[in-house]
Amino acid sequence: MKWEGGRKSDNVNDQRGAGGGGMRLGAGRLGIGGIAVVVVLSLLMGKDPIQMLGLLGQIDGGAPAPTEQQAAPINDRDSDFVRVILGSTEDVWNTQFNAAERSYVPPKLVIFSGSVQTACGGATAASGPFYCPGDQQVYLDTSFFDEMKSRLGGGGDFANAYVIAHEVGHHIQTLLGYSKNLDAARAQGESVAGDDGPSVRLELQADCFAGVWAHDAQQQMKWLEVGDIEQALSTASAIGDDRLQKQSQGTVVPDSFTHGSSAQRVKWFKTGFESGSVAKCDTFAAANL
């Protein structure tokens, strides 16, 4: 992926080096093993792992509240990469929204290391990249990219860009009102999990929006190289609910899916990439996912 030289976004807040540490649980720290247990239990119960981790982080005081003081940004390849990819999503979605006679308000992206406090609660690097609708910000610990490559079988520049574009896709859903489908189901006490549930539909739509970004970014920048699309598809497959459940618990429980199967995630990314159409990404209207 030939991303070097692309426009860098100004909407990145680099908080690495600002301190923090792990979440506290009682008198001790919630380690990686404990976090993994919380994530698995959340999936089984149809809960949002990030919200569960945030609640645990608030026990016994949790992480310290954020302050106005920010750490000096770290100028490295990760920072440059994130700024260029976010800048590309801004260019693509500005064009898409302008075509629909709408105004696009881009999200902020926070790069953190270890742990972070958000409007959605506390989170750690183990939570993976996520979007918080409460403050309309994307949160990313770039160590996830190494984890994705070493443990999940994904990785590479374009695959990493797909991950960022997916989280920005959740911001698009907030702006377009699609997120209300999930909020309404929760308000009515309905389970949002399941391979046909609103949580999966929301995640697959974000995959499709990531595909739309990839389609338009290629038209604008011509930066894709041989194997880039395969990287993204491999990553989409690696983070499917069925594959992750098989790795973590040895069995697959479709009723607890929150993000979609490997095949579904690949399908919807390809739908967005091949069509470049937001209208093709209405997973909530799709009879078959």
C-alpha atoms as a PDB file:
ATOM      1  CA  MET A   1       0.000   0.000   0.000  1.00  0.00           C
ATOM      2  CA  LYS A   2       1.537   3.278  -1.123  1.00  0.00           C
ATOM      3  CA  TRP A   3       0.248   5.497   1.652  1.00  0.00           C
ATOM      4  CA  GLU A   4       3.364   7.598   2.238  1.00  0.00           C
ATOM      5  CA  GLY A   5       2.873  11.179   1.077  1.00  0.00           C
ATOM      6  CA  GLY A   6      -0.867  11.186   1.667  1.00  0.00           C
ATOM      7  CA  ARG A   7      -2.577  14.066   3.427  1.00  0.00           C
ATOM      8  CA  LYS A   8      -2.315  13.817   7.213  1.00  0.00           C
ATOM      9  CA  SER A   9      -5.392  14.495   9.299  1.00  0.00           C
ATOM     10  CA  ASP A  10      -5.273  17.107  12.050  1.00  0.00           C
ATOM     11  CA  ASN A  11      -7.941  15.189  13.995  1.00  0.00           C
ATOM     12  CA  VAL A  12      -5.526  12.820  15.749  1.00  0.00           C
ATOM     13  CA  ASN A  13      -4.829  13.112  19.469  1.00  0.00           C
ATOM     14  CA  ASP A  14      -1.680  11.151  20.349  1.00  0.00           C
ATOM     15  CA  GLN A  15      -1.873  10.319  24.057  1.00  0.00           C
ATOM     16  CA  ARG A  16       0.960   7.806  24.139  1.00  0.00           C
ATOM     17  CA  GLY A  17       3.333   8.564  26.955  1.00  0.00           C
ATOM     18  CA  ALA A  18       0.600  10.323  28.969  1.00  0.00           C
ATOM     19  CA  GLY A  19       0.783   7.606  31.637  1.00  0.00           C
ATOM     20  CA  GLY A  20      -2.145   5.516  32.872  1.00  0.00           C
ATOM     21  CA  GLY A  21      -1.643   1.818  33.459  1.00  0.00           C
ATOM     22  CA  GLY A  22      -3.968  -1.120  33.668  1.00  0.00           C
ATOM     23  CA  MET A  23      -7.502  -1.113  35.029  1.00  0.00           C
ATOM     24  CA  ARG A  24      -7.853  -1.833  38.724  1.00  0.00           C
ATOM     25  CA  LEU A  25     -10.159  -4.515  40.072  1.00  0.00           C
ATOM     26  CA  GLY A  26     -10.375  -4.491  43.876  1.00  0.00           C
ATOM     27  CA  ALA A  27      -6.836  -4.421  45.254  1.00  0.00           C
ATOM     28  CA  GLY A  28      -5.180  -5.844  42.163  1.00  0.00           C
ATOM     29  CA  ARG A  29      -4.974  -5.289  38.411  1.00  0.00           C
ATOM     30  CA  LEU A  30      -7.141  -6.918  35.781  1.00  0.00           C
ATOM     31  CA  GLY A  31      -4.490  -8.676  33.715  1.00  0.00           C
ATOM     32  CA  ILE A  32      -4.591  -9.945  30.136  1.00  0.00           C
ATOM     33  CA  GLY A  33      -6.004 -13.304  31.239  1.00  0.00           C
ATOM     34  CA  GLY A  34      -8.768 -11.630  33.220  1.00  0.00           C
ATOM     35  CA  ILE A  35      -9.613  -9.350  30.342  1.00  0.00           C
ATOM     36  CA  ALA A  36      -9.849 -12.356  28.014  1.00  0.00           C
ATOM     37  CA  VAL A  37     -12.311 -14.019  30.410  1.00  0.00           C
ATOM     38  CA  VAL A  38     -14.443 -10.864  30.541  1.00  0.00           C
ATOM     39  CA  VAL A  39     -14.489 -10.638  26.730  1.00  0.00           C
ATOM     40  CA  VAL A  40     -15.526 -14.300  26.308  1.00  0.00           C
ATOM     41  CA  LEU A  41     -18.251 -13.997  28.971  1.00  0.00           C
ATOM     42  CA  SER A  42     -19.503 -10.809  27.330  1.00  0.00           C
ATOM     43  CA  LEU A  43     -19.831 -12.587  23.980  1.00  0.00           C
ATOM     44  CA  LEU A  44     -21.665 -15.504  25.579  1.00  0.00           C
ATOM     45  CA  MET A  45     -24.098 -13.139  27.309  1.00  0.00           C
ATOM     46  CA  GLY A  46     -24.572 -10.925  24.263  1.00  0.00           C
ATOM     47  CA  LYS A  47     -23.036  -7.935  26.010  1.00  0.00           C
ATOM     48  CA  ASP A  48     -20.657  -5.292  24.670  1.00  0.00           C
ATOM     49  CA  PRO A  49     -17.137  -6.294  25.863  1.00  0.00           C
ATOM     50  CA  ILE A  50     -15.937  -2.676  25.887  1.00  0.00           C
ATOM     51  CA  GLN A  51     -18.785  -1.581  28.151  1.00  0.00           C
ATOM     52  CA  MET A  52     -18.176  -4.566  30.465  1.00  0.00           C
ATOM     53  CA  LEU A  53     -14.486  -3.722  30.717  1.00  0.00           C
ATOM     54  CA  GLY A  54     -15.355  -0.100  31.322  1.00  0.00           C
ATOM     55  CA  LEU A  55     -17.635  -1.026  34.230  1.00  0.00           C
ATOM     56  CA  LEU A  56     -14.936  -3.198  35.786  1.00  0.00           C
ATOM     57  CA  GLY A  57     -12.449  -0.389  35.373  1.00  0.00           C
ATOM     58  CA  GLN A  58     -14.655   1.849  37.501  1.00  0.00           C
ATOM     59  CA  ILE A  59     -14.628  -0.551  40.470  1.00  0.00           C
ATOM     60  CA  ASP A  60     -12.355   0.702  43.296  1.00  0.00           C
ATOM     61  CA  GLY A  61     -11.882   4.006  41.551  1.00  0.00           C
ATOM     62  CA  GLY A  62     -10.837   2.694  38.125  1.00  0.00           C
ATOM     63  CA  ALA A  63      -8.382   4.602  35.986  1.00  0.00           C
ATOM     64  CA  PRO A  64      -7.770   8.269  36.715  1.00  0.00           C
ATOM     65  CA  ALA A  65     -10.030  10.802  35.057  1.00  0.00           C
ATOM     66  CA  PRO A  66      -8.598  12.410  31.919  1.00  0.00           C
ATOM     67  CA  THR A  67      -7.011  15.819  32.308  1.00  0.00           C
ATOM     68  CA  GLU A  68      -6.602  18.707  29.931  1.00  0.00           C
ATOM     69  CA  GLN A  69      -2.829  18.191  29.824  1.00  0.00           C
ATOM     70  CA  GLN A  70      -1.783  16.173  26.789  1.00  0.00           C
ATOM     71  CA  ALA A  71       1.474  14.368  26.166  1.00  0.00           C
ATOM     72  CA  ALA A  72       3.692  15.579  23.368  1.00  0.00           C
ATOM     73  CA  PRO A  73       2.872  13.635  20.176  1.00  0.00           C
ATOM     74  CA  ILE A  74       5.268  10.890  19.178  1.00  0.00           C
ATOM     75  CA  ASN A  75       6.404  11.356  15.599  1.00  0.00           C
ATOM     76  CA  ASP A  76       6.883   7.848  14.263  1.00  0.00           C
ATOM     77  CA  ARG A  77       5.665   5.637  11.438  1.00  0.00           C
ATOM     78  CA  ASP A  78       2.560   4.553  13.375  1.00  0.00           C
ATOM     79  CA  SER A  79       1.510   8.156  13.920  1.00  0.00           C
ATOM     80  CA  ASP A  80       2.146   9.098  10.298  1.00  0.00           C
ATOM     81  CA  PHE A  81       0.221   6.044   9.094  1.00  0.00           C
ATOM     82  CA  VAL A  82      -2.800   6.708  11.302  1.00  0.00           C
ATOM     83  CA  ARG A  83      -2.915  10.376  10.301  1.00  0.00           C
ATOM     84  CA  VAL A  84      -2.738   9.566   6.590  1.00  0.00           C
ATOM     85  CA  ILE A  85      -5.435   6.868   6.758  1.00  0.00           C
ATOM     86  CA  LEU A  86      -7.740   9.056   8.829  1.00  0.00           C
ATOM     87  CA  GLY A  87      -7.104  11.897   6.379  1.00  0.00           C
ATOM     88  CA  SER A  88      -8.131   9.600   3.543  1.00  0.00           C
ATOM     89  CA  THR A  89     -11.373   8.626   5.317  1.00  0.00           C
ATOM     90  CA  GLU A  90     -12.115  12.348   5.736  1.00  0.00           C
ATOM     91  CA  ASP A  91     -11.598  12.983   2.021  1.00  0.00           C
ATOM     92  CA  VAL A  92     -13.738  10.012   0.996  1.00  0.00           C
ATOM     93  CA  TRP A  93     -16.625  10.700   3.351  1.00  0.00           C
ATOM     94  CA  ASN A  94     -16.586  14.415   2.639  1.00  0.00           C
ATOM     95  CA  THR A  95     -17.119  13.541  -1.023  1.00  0.00           C
ATOM     96  CA  GLN A  96     -19.819  10.979  -0.220  1.00  0.00           C
ATOM     97  CA  PHE A  97     -21.720  13.334   2.079  1.00  0.00           C
ATOM     98  CA  ASN A  98     -21.420  16.276  -0.299  1.00  0.00           C
ATOM     99  CA  ALA A  99     -22.910  14.125  -3.075  1.00  0.00           C
ATOM    100  CA  ALA A 100     -25.873  13.482  -0.774  1.00  0.00           C
ATOM    101  CA  GLU A 101     -26.066  17.213   0.054  1.00  0.00           C
ATOM    102  CA  ARG A 102     -25.026  16.597   3.647  1.00  0.00           C
ATOM    103  CA  SER A 103     -22.202  17.998   5.756  1.00  0.00           C
ATOM    104  CA  TYR A 104     -19.630  15.538   7.084  1.00  0.00           C
ATOM    105  CA  VAL A 105     -18.262  16.082  10.589  1.00  0.00           C
ATOM    106  CA  PRO A 106     -15.226  13.795  10.990  1.00  0.00           C
ATOM    107  CA  PRO A 107     -14.425  11.941  14.197  1.00  0.00           C
ATOM    108  CA  LYS A 108     -11.357  12.505  16.316  1.00  0.00           C
ATOM    109  CA  LEU A 109      -8.945   9.591  16.663  1.00  0.00           C
ATOM    110  CA  VAL A 110      -7.092   9.013  19.924  1.00  0.00           C
ATOM    111  CA  ILE A 111      -3.882   6.990  19.854  1.00  0.00           C
ATOM    112  CA  PHE A 112      -3.236   5.592  23.324  1.00  0.00           C
ATOM    113  CA  SER A 113      -0.920   3.132  24.994  1.00  0.00           C
ATOM    114  CA  GLY A 114      -2.059   0.677  27.667  1.00  0.00           C
ATOM    115  CA  SER A 115      -5.307   2.201  28.888  1.00  0.00           C
ATOM    116  CA  VAL A 116      -7.612   5.108  28.183  1.00  0.00           C
ATOM    117  CA  GLN A 117     -10.700   6.808  29.599  1.00  0.00           C
ATOM    118  CA  THR A 118     -13.583   7.592  27.249  1.00  0.00           C
ATOM    119  CA  ALA A 119     -17.185   8.740  27.396  1.00  0.00           C
ATOM    120  CA  CYS A 120     -18.058   5.043  27.092  1.00  0.00           C
ATOM    121  CA  GLY A 121     -15.930   4.091  30.111  1.00  0.00           C
ATOM    122  CA  GLY A 122     -12.395   2.857  30.585  1.00  0.00           C
ATOM    123  CA  ALA A 123     -10.679   0.510  28.153  1.00  0.00           C
ATOM    124  CA  THR A 124      -7.320  -1.139  27.609  1.00  0.00           C
ATOM    125  CA  ALA A 125      -5.307  -2.229  24.600  1.00  0.00           C
ATOM    126  CA  ALA A 126      -6.837  -5.696  25.009  1.00  0.00           C
ATOM    127  CA  SER A 127     -10.215  -4.250  24.014  1.00  0.00           C
ATOM    128  CA  GLY A 128      -8.901  -3.616  20.504  1.00  0.00           C
ATOM    129  CA  PRO A 129      -9.713  -0.516  18.429  1.00  0.00           C
ATOM    130  CA  PHE A 130     -13.189   0.885  19.060  1.00  0.00           C
ATOM    131  CA  TYR A 131     -15.495   3.823  18.407  1.00  0.00           C
ATOM    132  CA  CYS A 132     -17.279   5.586  21.252  1.00  0.00           C
ATOM    133  CA  PRO A 133     -20.517   7.276  20.123  1.00  0.00           C
ATOM    134  CA  GLY A 134     -20.645   9.207  23.406  1.00  0.00           C
ATOM    135  CA  ASP A 135     -17.740  11.435  22.379  1.00  0.00           C
ATOM    136  CA  GLN A 136     -17.670  10.498  18.672  1.00  0.00           C
ATOM    137  CA  GLN A 137     -14.040   9.441  18.856  1.00  0.00           C
ATOM    138  CA  VAL A 138     -12.093   6.425  17.611  1.00  0.00           C
ATOM    139  CA  TYR A 139      -9.628   4.874  20.069  1.00  0.00           C
ATOM    140  CA  LEU A 140      -6.597   2.902  18.941  1.00  0.00           C
ATOM    141  CA  ASP A 141      -3.586   1.337  20.618  1.00  0.00           C
ATOM    142  CA  THR A 142      -1.336   0.595  17.637  1.00  0.00           C
ATOM    143  CA  SER A 143       0.051  -2.480  19.408  1.00  0.00           C
ATOM    144  CA  PHE A 144      -3.165  -4.114  18.162  1.00  0.00           C
ATOM    145  CA  PHE A 145      -1.650  -4.197  14.687  1.00  0.00           C
ATOM    146  CA  ASP A 146       1.214  -6.384  15.932  1.00  0.00           C
ATOM    147  CA  GLU A 147      -1.239  -8.565  17.857  1.00  0.00           C
ATOM    148  CA  MET A 148      -3.427  -8.962  14.790  1.00  0.00           C
ATOM    149  CA  LYS A 149      -0.452 -10.096  12.737  1.00  0.00           C
ATOM    150  CA  SER A 150       1.123 -12.434  15.293  1.00  0.00           C
ATOM    151  CA  ARG A 151      -1.979 -14.047  16.828  1.00  0.00           C
ATOM    152  CA  LEU A 152      -4.954 -13.519  14.541  1.00  0.00           C
ATOM    153  CA  GLY A 153      -3.427 -14.185  11.152  1.00  0.00           C
ATOM    154  CA  GLY A 154      -4.167 -10.737   9.727  1.00  0.00           C
ATOM    155  CA  GLY A 155      -1.977  -7.689   9.324  1.00  0.00           C
ATOM    156  CA  GLY A 156      -0.179  -5.482   6.838  1.00  0.00           C
ATOM    157  CA  ASP A 157      -0.637  -1.810   6.022  1.00  0.00           C
ATOM    158  CA  PHE A 158      -3.862  -2.156   4.079  1.00  0.00           C
ATOM    159  CA  ALA A 159      -5.317  -4.553   6.636  1.00  0.00           C
ATOM    160  CA  ASN A 160      -4.483  -2.033   9.362  1.00  0.00           C
ATOM    161  CA  ALA A 161      -6.090   0.712   7.290  1.00  0.00           C
ATOM    162  CA  TYR A 162      -9.221  -1.445   6.976  1.00  0.00           C
ATOM    163  CA  VAL A 163      -9.415  -1.646  10.779  1.00  0.00           C
ATOM    164  CA  ILE A 164      -9.307   2.157  11.091  1.00  0.00           C
ATOM    165  CA  ALA A 165     -11.845   2.560   8.276  1.00  0.00           C
ATOM    166  CA  HIS A 166     -14.163   0.065  10.016  1.00  0.00           C
ATOM    167  CA  GLU A 167     -14.167   2.156  13.202  1.00  0.00           C
ATOM    168  CA  VAL A 168     -14.786   5.313  11.183  1.00  0.00           C
ATOM    169  CA  GLY A 169     -17.658   3.341   9.642  1.00  0.00           C
ATOM    170  CA  HIS A 170     -19.285   3.292  13.074  1.00  0.00           C
ATOM    171  CA  HIS A 171     -19.052   7.081  13.109  1.00  0.00           C
ATOM    172  CA  ILE A 172     -20.814   7.168   9.735  1.00  0.00           C
ATOM    173  CA  GLN A 173     -23.579   5.040  11.253  1.00  0.00           C
ATOM    174  CA  THR A 174     -23.972   7.552  14.076  1.00  0.00           C
ATOM    175  CA  LEU A 175     -24.236  10.434  11.620  1.00  0.00           C
ATOM    176  CA  LEU A 176     -26.700   8.606   9.348  1.00  0.00           C
ATOM    177  CA  GLY A 177     -28.850   7.277  12.208  1.00  0.00           C
ATOM    178  CA  TYR A 178     -28.235   3.560  11.720  1.00  0.00           C
ATOM    179  CA  SER A 179     -26.918   3.196  15.268  1.00  0.00           C
ATOM    180  CA  LYS A 180     -30.431   3.898  16.549  1.00  0.00           C
ATOM    181  CA  ASN A 181     -31.452   0.386  15.471  1.00  0.00           C
ATOM    182  CA  LEU A 182     -29.148  -1.079  18.106  1.00  0.00           C
ATOM    183  CA  ASP A 183     -30.090   1.523  20.710  1.00  0.00           C
ATOM    184  CA  ALA A 184     -33.793   0.841  20.188  1.00  0.00           C
ATOM    185  CA  ALA A 185     -33.353  -2.910  20.626  1.00  0.00           C
ATOM    186  CA  ARG A 186     -31.423  -2.410  23.852  1.00  0.00           C
ATOM    187  CA  ALA A 187     -34.000   0.084  25.162  1.00  0.00           C
ATOM    188  CA  GLN A 188     -36.712  -2.518  24.627  1.00  0.00           C
ATOM    189  CA  GLY A 189     -34.733  -5.152  26.518  1.00  0.00           C
ATOM    190  CA  GLU A 190     -34.121  -7.260  23.445  1.00  0.00           C
ATOM    191  CA  SER A 191     -30.991  -9.324  22.932  1.00  0.00           C
ATOM    192  CA  VAL A 192     -28.807  -7.605  20.350  1.00  0.00           C
ATOM    193  CA  ALA A 193     -26.519 -10.605  19.832  1.00  0.00           C
ATOM    194  CA  GLY A 194     -26.938 -13.495  17.410  1.00  0.00           C
ATOM    195  CA  ASP A 195     -25.828 -14.132  13.840  1.00  0.00           C
ATOM    196  CA  ASP A 196     -28.887 -12.226  12.538  1.00  0.00           C
ATOM    197  CA  GLY A 197     -29.133  -9.682  15.339  1.00  0.00           C
ATOM    198  CA  PRO A 198     -28.775  -5.887  15.260  1.00  0.00           C
ATOM    199  CA  SER A 199     -25.241  -5.947  16.700  1.00  0.00           C
ATOM    200  CA  VAL A 200     -23.998  -8.148  13.856  1.00  0.00           C
ATOM    201  CA  ARG A 201     -25.866  -6.033  11.307  1.00  0.00           C
ATOM    202  CA  LEU A 202     -24.221  -2.892  12.696  1.00  0.00           C
ATOM    203  CA  GLU A 203     -20.732  -4.420  12.535  1.00  0.00           C
ATOM    204  CA  LEU A 204     -21.210  -5.813   9.028  1.00  0.00           C
ATOM    205  CA  GLN A 205     -22.419  -2.431   7.841  1.00  0.00           C
ATOM    206  CA  ALA A 206     -19.227  -0.870   9.251  1.00  0.00           C
ATOM    207  CA  ASP A 207     -17.273  -3.484   7.254  1.00  0.00           C
ATOM    208  CA  CYS A 208     -19.207  -2.478   4.161  1.00  0.00           C
ATOM    209  CA  PHE A 209     -18.512   1.204   4.799  1.00  0.00           C
ATOM    210  CA  ALA A 210     -14.817   0.306   5.135  1.00  0.00           C
ATOM    211  CA  GLY A 211     -15.117  -1.279   1.695  1.00  0.00           C
ATOM    212  CA  VAL A 212     -16.687   1.908   0.314  1.00  0.00           C
ATOM    213  CA  TRP A 213     -13.755   3.865   1.724  1.00  0.00           C
ATOM    214  CA  ALA A 214     -11.275   1.446   0.100  1.00  0.00           C
ATOM    215  CA  HIS A 215     -13.061   1.755  -3.256  1.00  0.00           C
ATOM    216  CA  ASP A 216     -13.081   5.557  -3.234  1.00  0.00           C
ATOM    217  CA  ALA A 217      -9.574   5.879  -1.765  1.00  0.00           C
ATOM    218  CA  GLN A 218      -8.226   3.751  -4.584  1.00  0.00           C
ATOM    219  CA  GLN A 219      -9.972   5.967  -7.114  1.00  0.00           C
ATOM    220  CA  GLN A 220      -8.451   9.058  -5.494  1.00  0.00           C
ATOM    221  CA  MET A 221      -4.957   7.827  -4.595  1.00  0.00           C
ATOM    222  CA  LYS A 222      -4.199   4.728  -6.699  1.00  0.00           C
ATOM    223  CA  TRP A 223      -2.276   3.370  -3.721  1.00  0.00           C
ATOM    224  CA  LEU A 224      -3.300  -0.306  -3.699  1.00  0.00           C
ATOM    225  CA  GLU A 225      -0.659  -2.876  -4.574  1.00  0.00           C
ATOM    226  CA  VAL A 226      -0.844  -6.569  -5.422  1.00  0.00           C
ATOM    227  CA  GLY A 227      -2.066  -8.496  -2.383  1.00  0.00           C
ATOM    228  CA  ASP A 228      -3.556  -5.530  -0.513  1.00  0.00           C
ATOM    229  CA  ILE A 229      -7.187  -6.564  -0.941  1.00  0.00           C
ATOM    230  CA  GLU A 230      -6.278 -10.128   0.023  1.00  0.00           C
ATOM    231  CA  GLN A 231      -4.721  -8.699   3.214  1.00  0.00           C
ATOM    232  CA  ALA A 232      -7.937  -6.954   4.151  1.00  0.00           C
ATOM    233  CA  LEU A 233     -10.064 -10.006   3.367  1.00  0.00           C
ATOM    234  CA  SER A 234      -7.728 -12.219   5.387  1.00  0.00           C
ATOM    235  CA  THR A 235      -8.017  -9.847   8.319  1.00  0.00           C
ATOM    236  CA  ALA A 236     -11.811  -9.665   8.037  1.00  0.00           C
ATOM    237  CA  SER A 237     -11.846 -13.458   8.124  1.00  0.00           C
ATOM    238  CA  ALA A 238      -9.435 -13.606  11.075  1.00  0.00           C
ATOM    239  CA  ILE A 239     -11.666 -11.458  13.293  1.00  0.00           C
ATOM    240  CA  GLY A 240     -14.966 -13.203  12.555  1.00  0.00           C
ATOM    241  CA  ASP A 241     -16.939 -14.318  15.608  1.00  0.00           C
ATOM    242  CA  ASP A 242     -16.868 -17.969  14.603  1.00  0.00           C
ATOM    243  CA  ARG A 243     -13.093 -18.038  14.224  1.00  0.00           C
ATOM    244  CA  LEU A 244     -12.430 -16.101  17.431  1.00  0.00           C
ATOM    245  CA  GLN A 245     -14.832 -18.278  19.419  1.00  0.00           C
ATOM    246  CA  LYS A 246     -13.252 -21.423  18.025  1.00  0.00           C
ATOM    247  CA  GLN A 247      -9.821 -20.184  19.088  1.00  0.00           C
ATOM    248  CA  SER A 248     -10.857 -19.011  22.555  1.00  0.00           C
ATOM    249  CA  GLN A 249     -13.400 -21.612  23.666  1.00  0.00           C
ATOM    250  CA  GLY A 250     -13.171 -24.452  21.169  1.00  0.00           C
ATOM    251  CA  THR A 251     -16.798 -24.171  20.054  1.00  0.00           C
ATOM    252  CA  VAL A 252     -18.891 -21.772  17.980  1.00  0.00           C
ATOM    253  CA  VAL A 253     -22.064 -20.251  19.455  1.00  0.00           C
ATOM    254  CA  PRO A 254     -23.914 -18.310  16.724  1.00  0.00           C
ATOM    255  CA  ASP A 255     -26.491 -17.005  19.218  1.00  0.00           C
ATOM    256  CA  SER A 256     -23.717 -15.017  20.904  1.00  0.00           C
ATOM    257  CA  PHE A 257     -22.274 -13.477  17.726  1.00  0.00           C
ATOM    258  CA  THR A 258     -21.770  -9.706  17.949  1.00  0.00           C
ATOM    259  CA  HIS A 259     -19.628  -8.940  14.883  1.00  0.00           C
ATOM    260  CA  GLY A 260     -20.505 -11.564  12.276  1.00  0.00           C
ATOM    261  CA  SER A 261     -18.876 -14.707  10.944  1.00  0.00           C
ATOM    262  CA  SER A 262     -15.691 -14.675   8.903  1.00  0.00           C
ATOM    263  CA  ALA A 263     -17.680 -15.306   5.716  1.00  0.00           C
ATOM    264  CA  GLN A 264     -20.130 -12.493   6.508  1.00  0.00           C
ATOM    265  CA  ARG A 265     -17.385  -9.991   7.229  1.00  0.00           C
ATOM    266  CA  VAL A 266     -15.601 -10.819   3.980  1.00  0.00           C
ATOM    267  CA  LYS A 267     -18.867 -10.622   2.035  1.00  0.00           C
ATOM    268  CA  TRP A 268     -19.833  -7.176   3.275  1.00  0.00           C
ATOM    269  CA  PHE A 269     -16.384  -5.650   2.909  1.00  0.00           C
ATOM    270  CA  LYS A 270     -16.356  -6.891  -0.691  1.00  0.00           C
ATOM    271  CA  THR A 271     -19.866  -5.487  -1.223  1.00  0.00           C
ATOM    272  CA  GLY A 272     -18.664  -2.020  -0.269  1.00  0.00           C
ATOM    273  CA  PHE A 273     -15.392  -2.288  -2.163  1.00  0.00           C
ATOM    274  CA  GLU A 274     -16.869  -3.587  -5.393  1.00  0.00           C
ATOM    275  CA  SER A 275     -19.824  -1.184  -5.462  1.00  0.00           C
ATOM    276  CA  GLY A 276     -18.476   1.944  -3.786  1.00  0.00           C
ATOM    277  CA  SER A 277     -22.095   2.557  -2.815  1.00  0.00           C
ATOM    278  CA  VAL A 278     -23.378   3.475   0.635  1.00  0.00           C
ATOM    279  CA  ALA A 279     -26.851   2.344  -0.442  1.00  0.00           C
ATOM    280  CA  LYS A 280     -25.558  -1.205  -0.959  1.00  0.00           C
ATOM    281  CA  CYS A 281     -24.484  -1.308   2.693  1.00  0.00           C
ATOM    282  CA  ASP A 282     -27.945  -1.350   4.306  1.00  0.00           C
ATOM    283  CA  THR A 283     -27.477  -4.524   6.296  1.00  0.00           C
ATOM    284  CA  PHE A 284     -30.553  -3.712   8.371  1.00  0.00           C
ATOM    285  CA  ALA A 285     -32.724  -4.131   5.284  1.00  0.00           C
ATOM    286  CA  ALA A 286     -30.918  -7.272   4.075  1.00  0.00           C
ATOM    287  CA  ALA A 287     -32.924 -10.502   4.240  1.00  0.00           C
ATOM    288  CA  ASN A 288     -29.742 -12.587   4.252  1.00  0.00           C
ATOM    289  CA  LEU A 289     -26.471 -11.542   5.820  1.00  0.00           C
END
